[in-house]
């Protein structure tokens, strides 16, 4: 169950490449100790031809996001850290030198 979901529009910019994603964050428990995050890559121009998911092992986070165009992560802690968590995970997937810009998506009333 997704408790108190929040949505972000995310742009990742590298030297010559970029990606646009939507991220959904939510609490995984009623005690609000665990936060889940889903990443959906919508548009990308990063080179992915060297990435694949071998059948001999489980995919890494980077492989899931860049090959399957969706991934998930979770952490224990307050929701106040979700933007930092998203940024750090996207730098793992796209490189430490990328610029990550998050924008809240407000639900229409």
N, C-alpha and C. Protein backbone atom coordinates (compact mmCIF):
# COMPACT_ATOMS: atom_id res chain seq x y z
N UNK A 1 0.84 -1.17 0.00
CA UNK A 1 0.00 0.00 0.00
C UNK A 1 0.89 1.24 0.00
N UNK A 2 0.56 2.20 -0.82
CA UNK A 2 1.31 3.44 -0.90
C UNK A 2 0.64 4.48 0.00
N UNK A 3 1.29 4.80 1.10
CA UNK A 3 0.76 5.74 2.08
C UNK A 3 1.31 7.12 1.78
N UNK A 4 0.41 8.09 1.61
CA UNK A 4 0.77 9.48 1.33
C UNK A 4 1.72 9.61 0.14
N UNK A 5 1.30 9.18 -1.05
CA UNK A 5 2.19 9.28 -2.21
C UNK A 5 2.46 10.72 -2.61
N UNK A 6 3.66 10.94 -3.13
CA UNK A 6 4.06 12.24 -3.64
C UNK A 6 4.77 12.00 -4.98
N UNK A 7 4.61 12.94 -5.92
CA UNK A 7 5.11 12.74 -7.27
C UNK A 7 6.10 13.84 -7.63
N UNK A 8 7.16 13.45 -8.35
CA UNK A 8 8.17 14.39 -8.80
C UNK A 8 8.43 14.23 -10.30
N UNK A 9 8.61 15.33 -10.98
CA UNK A 9 9.12 15.35 -12.35
C UNK A 9 10.61 15.60 -12.20
N UNK A 10 11.42 14.76 -12.83
CA UNK A 10 12.87 14.84 -12.64
C UNK A 10 13.56 14.95 -13.99
N UNK A 11 14.54 15.83 -14.06
CA UNK A 11 15.37 15.97 -15.26
C UNK A 11 16.81 15.72 -14.84
N UNK A 12 17.47 14.86 -15.60
CA UNK A 12 18.87 14.53 -15.37
C UNK A 12 19.64 15.03 -16.58
N UNK A 13 20.61 15.91 -16.37
CA UNK A 13 21.40 16.46 -17.47
C UNK A 13 22.86 16.09 -17.31
N UNK A 14 23.42 15.50 -18.37
CA UNK A 14 24.85 15.22 -18.46
C UNK A 14 25.47 16.19 -19.44
N UNK A 15 26.70 15.91 -19.86
CA UNK A 15 27.38 16.79 -20.82
C UNK A 15 26.61 16.91 -22.13
N UNK A 16 26.25 15.78 -22.71
CA UNK A 16 25.56 15.79 -24.00
C UNK A 16 24.28 14.98 -23.98
N UNK A 17 23.89 14.47 -22.84
CA UNK A 17 22.73 13.60 -22.73
C UNK A 17 21.81 14.06 -21.62
N UNK A 18 20.58 13.61 -21.70
CA UNK A 18 19.62 13.96 -20.65
C UNK A 18 18.58 12.85 -20.53
N UNK A 19 17.83 12.91 -19.46
CA UNK A 19 16.73 11.98 -19.22
C UNK A 19 15.65 12.70 -18.44
N UNK A 20 14.41 12.30 -18.68
CA UNK A 20 13.26 12.82 -17.93
C UNK A 20 12.58 11.63 -17.28
N UNK A 21 12.31 11.77 -16.00
CA UNK A 21 11.69 10.70 -15.24
C UNK A 21 10.53 11.23 -14.42
N UNK A 22 9.70 10.31 -13.97
CA UNK A 22 8.71 10.59 -12.94
C UNK A 22 9.04 9.67 -11.78
N UNK A 23 9.07 10.24 -10.58
CA UNK A 23 9.32 9.45 -9.37
C UNK A 23 8.10 9.55 -8.46
N UNK A 24 7.77 8.43 -7.86
CA UNK A 24 6.68 8.36 -6.90
C UNK A 24 7.28 7.95 -5.57
N UNK A 25 7.03 8.75 -4.52
CA UNK A 25 7.52 8.41 -3.19
C UNK A 25 6.33 8.17 -2.28
N UNK A 26 6.52 7.33 -1.27
CA UNK A 26 5.43 7.00 -0.36
C UNK A 26 5.98 6.30 0.87
N UNK A 27 5.20 6.30 1.93
CA UNK A 27 5.55 5.53 3.12
C UNK A 27 5.13 4.09 2.90
N UNK A 28 5.96 3.17 3.36
CA UNK A 28 5.66 1.74 3.22
C UNK A 28 4.99 1.17 4.46
N UNK A 29 4.96 1.91 5.55
CA UNK A 29 4.37 1.41 6.78
C UNK A 29 3.60 2.54 7.47
N UNK A 30 2.64 2.16 8.30
CA UNK A 30 1.83 3.17 8.98
C UNK A 30 2.62 3.95 10.03
N UNK A 31 3.73 3.39 10.50
CA UNK A 31 4.59 4.10 11.44
C UNK A 31 5.48 5.12 10.76
N UNK A 32 5.43 5.16 9.43
CA UNK A 32 6.17 6.12 8.61
C UNK A 32 7.68 6.07 8.86
N UNK A 33 8.20 4.85 9.02
CA UNK A 33 9.64 4.66 9.18
C UNK A 33 10.32 4.32 7.85
N UNK A 34 9.56 3.68 6.95
CA UNK A 34 10.12 3.21 5.69
C UNK A 34 9.55 3.99 4.52
N UNK A 35 10.42 4.40 3.60
CA UNK A 35 10.00 5.18 2.43
C UNK A 35 10.35 4.37 1.19
N UNK A 36 9.38 4.25 0.28
CA UNK A 36 9.61 3.59 -1.00
C UNK A 36 9.62 4.62 -2.11
N UNK A 37 10.43 4.36 -3.12
CA UNK A 37 10.52 5.27 -4.26
C UNK A 37 10.52 4.44 -5.54
N UNK A 38 9.67 4.82 -6.49
CA UNK A 38 9.63 4.20 -7.81
C UNK A 38 10.09 5.23 -8.83
N UNK A 39 10.92 4.78 -9.76
CA UNK A 39 11.50 5.64 -10.79
C UNK A 39 11.00 5.15 -12.15
N UNK A 40 10.48 6.04 -12.96
CA UNK A 40 10.01 5.70 -14.30
C UNK A 40 10.71 6.62 -15.30
N UNK A 41 11.60 6.05 -16.12
CA UNK A 41 12.33 6.81 -17.12
C UNK A 41 11.43 6.95 -18.35
N UNK A 42 11.07 8.17 -18.69
CA UNK A 42 10.15 8.42 -19.79
C UNK A 42 10.87 8.73 -21.10
N UNK A 43 11.89 9.58 -21.03
CA UNK A 43 12.64 10.01 -22.21
C UNK A 43 14.11 10.01 -21.81
N UNK A 44 15.00 9.54 -22.73
CA UNK A 44 16.41 9.50 -22.41
C UNK A 44 17.25 9.58 -23.68
N UNK A 45 18.43 10.15 -23.54
CA UNK A 45 19.38 10.18 -24.64
C UNK A 45 20.76 9.68 -24.21
N UNK A 46 20.86 9.14 -23.00
CA UNK A 46 22.11 8.56 -22.53
C UNK A 46 22.40 7.28 -23.32
N UNK A 47 23.67 7.02 -23.57
CA UNK A 47 24.09 5.81 -24.28
C UNK A 47 23.86 4.59 -23.39
N UNK A 48 23.07 3.64 -23.88
CA UNK A 48 22.74 2.45 -23.09
C UNK A 48 23.20 1.16 -23.74
N UNK A 49 23.89 1.22 -24.89
CA UNK A 49 24.20 0.00 -25.61
C UNK A 49 25.15 -0.94 -24.87
N UNK A 50 25.92 -0.43 -23.92
CA UNK A 50 26.83 -1.29 -23.16
C UNK A 50 26.18 -1.88 -21.92
N UNK A 51 24.93 -1.54 -21.67
CA UNK A 51 24.23 -2.07 -20.50
C UNK A 51 23.35 -3.24 -20.90
N UNK A 52 23.35 -4.27 -20.08
CA UNK A 52 22.46 -5.40 -20.28
C UNK A 52 22.25 -6.08 -18.92
N UNK A 53 21.29 -6.96 -18.87
CA UNK A 53 21.02 -7.70 -17.63
C UNK A 53 21.31 -9.17 -17.91
N UNK A 54 22.43 -9.68 -17.41
CA UNK A 54 22.75 -11.09 -17.64
C UNK A 54 21.76 -12.00 -16.91
N UNK A 55 21.46 -13.13 -17.49
CA UNK A 55 20.51 -14.06 -16.87
C UNK A 55 21.10 -14.77 -15.66
N UNK A 56 22.42 -14.66 -15.46
CA UNK A 56 23.09 -15.37 -14.37
C UNK A 56 23.00 -14.67 -13.01
N UNK A 57 22.48 -13.44 -13.00
CA UNK A 57 22.40 -12.73 -11.72
C UNK A 57 21.26 -11.73 -11.75
N UNK A 58 20.97 -11.21 -10.57
CA UNK A 58 19.92 -10.20 -10.45
C UNK A 58 20.42 -8.87 -11.01
N UNK A 59 19.53 -8.10 -11.60
CA UNK A 59 19.89 -6.80 -12.16
C UNK A 59 20.26 -5.82 -11.05
N UNK A 60 21.18 -4.93 -11.35
CA UNK A 60 21.51 -3.85 -10.44
C UNK A 60 20.46 -2.74 -10.61
N UNK A 61 20.47 -1.81 -9.69
CA UNK A 61 19.55 -0.66 -9.79
C UNK A 61 19.78 0.07 -11.11
N UNK A 62 21.05 0.34 -11.45
CA UNK A 62 21.39 1.05 -12.68
C UNK A 62 20.86 0.29 -13.90
N UNK A 63 21.05 -1.01 -13.93
CA UNK A 63 20.58 -1.82 -15.06
C UNK A 63 19.06 -1.79 -15.16
N UNK A 64 18.38 -1.89 -14.04
CA UNK A 64 16.91 -1.84 -14.06
C UNK A 64 16.42 -0.52 -14.65
N UNK A 65 16.98 0.57 -14.18
CA UNK A 65 16.51 1.88 -14.64
C UNK A 65 16.89 2.14 -16.09
N UNK A 66 18.12 1.85 -16.46
CA UNK A 66 18.59 2.22 -17.80
C UNK A 66 18.21 1.21 -18.88
N UNK A 67 17.97 -0.05 -18.52
CA UNK A 67 17.59 -1.06 -19.51
C UNK A 67 16.07 -1.27 -19.52
N UNK A 68 15.48 -1.42 -18.34
CA UNK A 68 14.04 -1.66 -18.25
C UNK A 68 13.24 -0.37 -18.11
N UNK A 69 13.92 0.73 -17.86
CA UNK A 69 13.33 2.08 -17.75
C UNK A 69 12.40 2.23 -16.55
N UNK A 70 12.60 1.39 -15.56
CA UNK A 70 11.91 1.57 -14.28
C UNK A 70 12.71 0.83 -13.21
N UNK A 71 12.66 1.38 -12.00
CA UNK A 71 13.39 0.80 -10.89
C UNK A 71 12.73 1.26 -9.60
N UNK A 72 13.19 0.71 -8.49
CA UNK A 72 12.64 1.09 -7.19
C UNK A 72 13.77 1.06 -6.16
N UNK A 73 13.59 1.86 -5.12
CA UNK A 73 14.51 1.85 -3.99
C UNK A 73 13.71 2.15 -2.73
N UNK A 74 14.35 1.97 -1.60
CA UNK A 74 13.68 2.24 -0.31
C UNK A 74 14.75 2.61 0.71
N UNK A 75 14.32 3.30 1.73
CA UNK A 75 15.22 3.62 2.83
C UNK A 75 14.42 3.76 4.11
N UNK A 76 15.12 3.66 5.23
CA UNK A 76 14.51 3.87 6.53
C UNK A 76 14.88 5.27 7.00
N UNK A 77 13.87 6.07 7.29
CA UNK A 77 14.11 7.43 7.73
C UNK A 77 12.95 8.33 7.38
N UNK A 78 13.06 9.60 7.68
CA UNK A 78 11.95 10.53 7.42
C UNK A 78 11.83 10.89 5.94
N UNK A 79 10.65 11.30 5.55
CA UNK A 79 10.39 11.71 4.17
C UNK A 79 11.20 12.95 3.78
N UNK A 80 11.68 13.69 4.74
CA UNK A 80 12.46 14.89 4.45
C UNK A 80 13.72 14.57 3.66
N UNK A 81 14.16 13.31 3.65
CA UNK A 81 15.37 12.91 2.94
C UNK A 81 15.10 12.33 1.56
N UNK A 82 13.84 12.32 1.11
CA UNK A 82 13.54 11.63 -0.14
C UNK A 82 14.18 12.29 -1.36
N UNK A 83 14.25 13.61 -1.40
CA UNK A 83 14.88 14.28 -2.54
C UNK A 83 16.37 13.95 -2.62
N UNK A 84 17.06 13.94 -1.48
CA UNK A 84 18.47 13.59 -1.47
C UNK A 84 18.67 12.14 -1.89
N UNK A 85 17.77 11.26 -1.46
CA UNK A 85 17.84 9.85 -1.83
C UNK A 85 17.67 9.68 -3.34
N UNK A 86 16.69 10.36 -3.91
CA UNK A 86 16.45 10.29 -5.36
C UNK A 86 17.68 10.78 -6.10
N UNK A 87 18.20 11.94 -5.72
CA UNK A 87 19.36 12.51 -6.40
C UNK A 87 20.56 11.57 -6.34
N UNK A 88 20.84 11.00 -5.17
CA UNK A 88 22.00 10.12 -5.05
C UNK A 88 21.83 8.85 -5.88
N UNK A 89 20.62 8.31 -5.94
CA UNK A 89 20.39 7.11 -6.75
C UNK A 89 20.48 7.41 -8.25
N UNK A 90 20.02 8.57 -8.66
CA UNK A 90 20.13 8.92 -10.08
C UNK A 90 21.58 9.17 -10.48
N UNK A 91 22.39 9.65 -9.56
CA UNK A 91 23.82 9.81 -9.86
C UNK A 91 24.51 8.46 -9.96
N UNK A 92 24.02 7.46 -9.25
CA UNK A 92 24.53 6.10 -9.41
C UNK A 92 24.19 5.59 -10.81
N UNK A 93 22.98 5.86 -11.27
CA UNK A 93 22.52 5.34 -12.56
C UNK A 93 23.13 6.08 -13.75
N UNK A 94 23.32 7.39 -13.64
CA UNK A 94 23.74 8.19 -14.79
C UNK A 94 25.15 8.76 -14.68
N UNK A 95 25.74 8.72 -13.51
CA UNK A 95 27.09 9.25 -13.32
C UNK A 95 27.11 10.36 -12.28
N UNK A 96 28.17 10.43 -11.54
CA UNK A 96 28.26 11.39 -10.43
C UNK A 96 28.32 12.84 -10.89
N UNK A 97 28.63 13.06 -12.16
CA UNK A 97 28.77 14.43 -12.64
C UNK A 97 27.49 15.00 -13.26
N UNK A 98 26.37 14.27 -13.22
CA UNK A 98 25.13 14.79 -13.81
C UNK A 98 24.47 15.80 -12.88
N UNK A 99 23.63 16.63 -13.45
CA UNK A 99 22.83 17.58 -12.69
C UNK A 99 21.42 17.02 -12.60
N UNK A 100 20.87 16.96 -11.38
CA UNK A 100 19.53 16.41 -11.16
C UNK A 100 18.63 17.53 -10.65
N UNK A 101 17.50 17.73 -11.34
CA UNK A 101 16.55 18.77 -10.96
C UNK A 101 15.19 18.11 -10.69
N UNK A 102 14.69 18.27 -9.47
CA UNK A 102 13.39 17.71 -9.08
C UNK A 102 12.35 18.81 -8.99
N UNK A 103 11.17 18.52 -9.48
CA UNK A 103 10.05 19.46 -9.42
C UNK A 103 8.82 18.71 -8.92
N UNK A 104 8.18 19.25 -7.91
CA UNK A 104 6.95 18.63 -7.38
C UNK A 104 5.87 18.60 -8.45
N UNK A 105 5.13 17.52 -8.51
CA UNK A 105 3.92 17.45 -9.34
C UNK A 105 2.76 17.51 -8.37
N UNK A 106 2.03 18.59 -8.41
CA UNK A 106 0.90 18.78 -7.49
C UNK A 106 -0.36 18.17 -8.11
N UNK A 107 -1.10 17.38 -7.31
CA UNK A 107 -2.35 16.83 -7.83
C UNK A 107 -3.38 17.94 -8.05
N UNK A 108 -4.15 17.78 -9.10
CA UNK A 108 -5.19 18.76 -9.38
C UNK A 108 -6.35 18.56 -8.42
N UNK A 109 -6.86 19.66 -7.93
CA UNK A 109 -7.97 19.60 -6.97
C UNK A 109 -9.30 19.63 -7.67
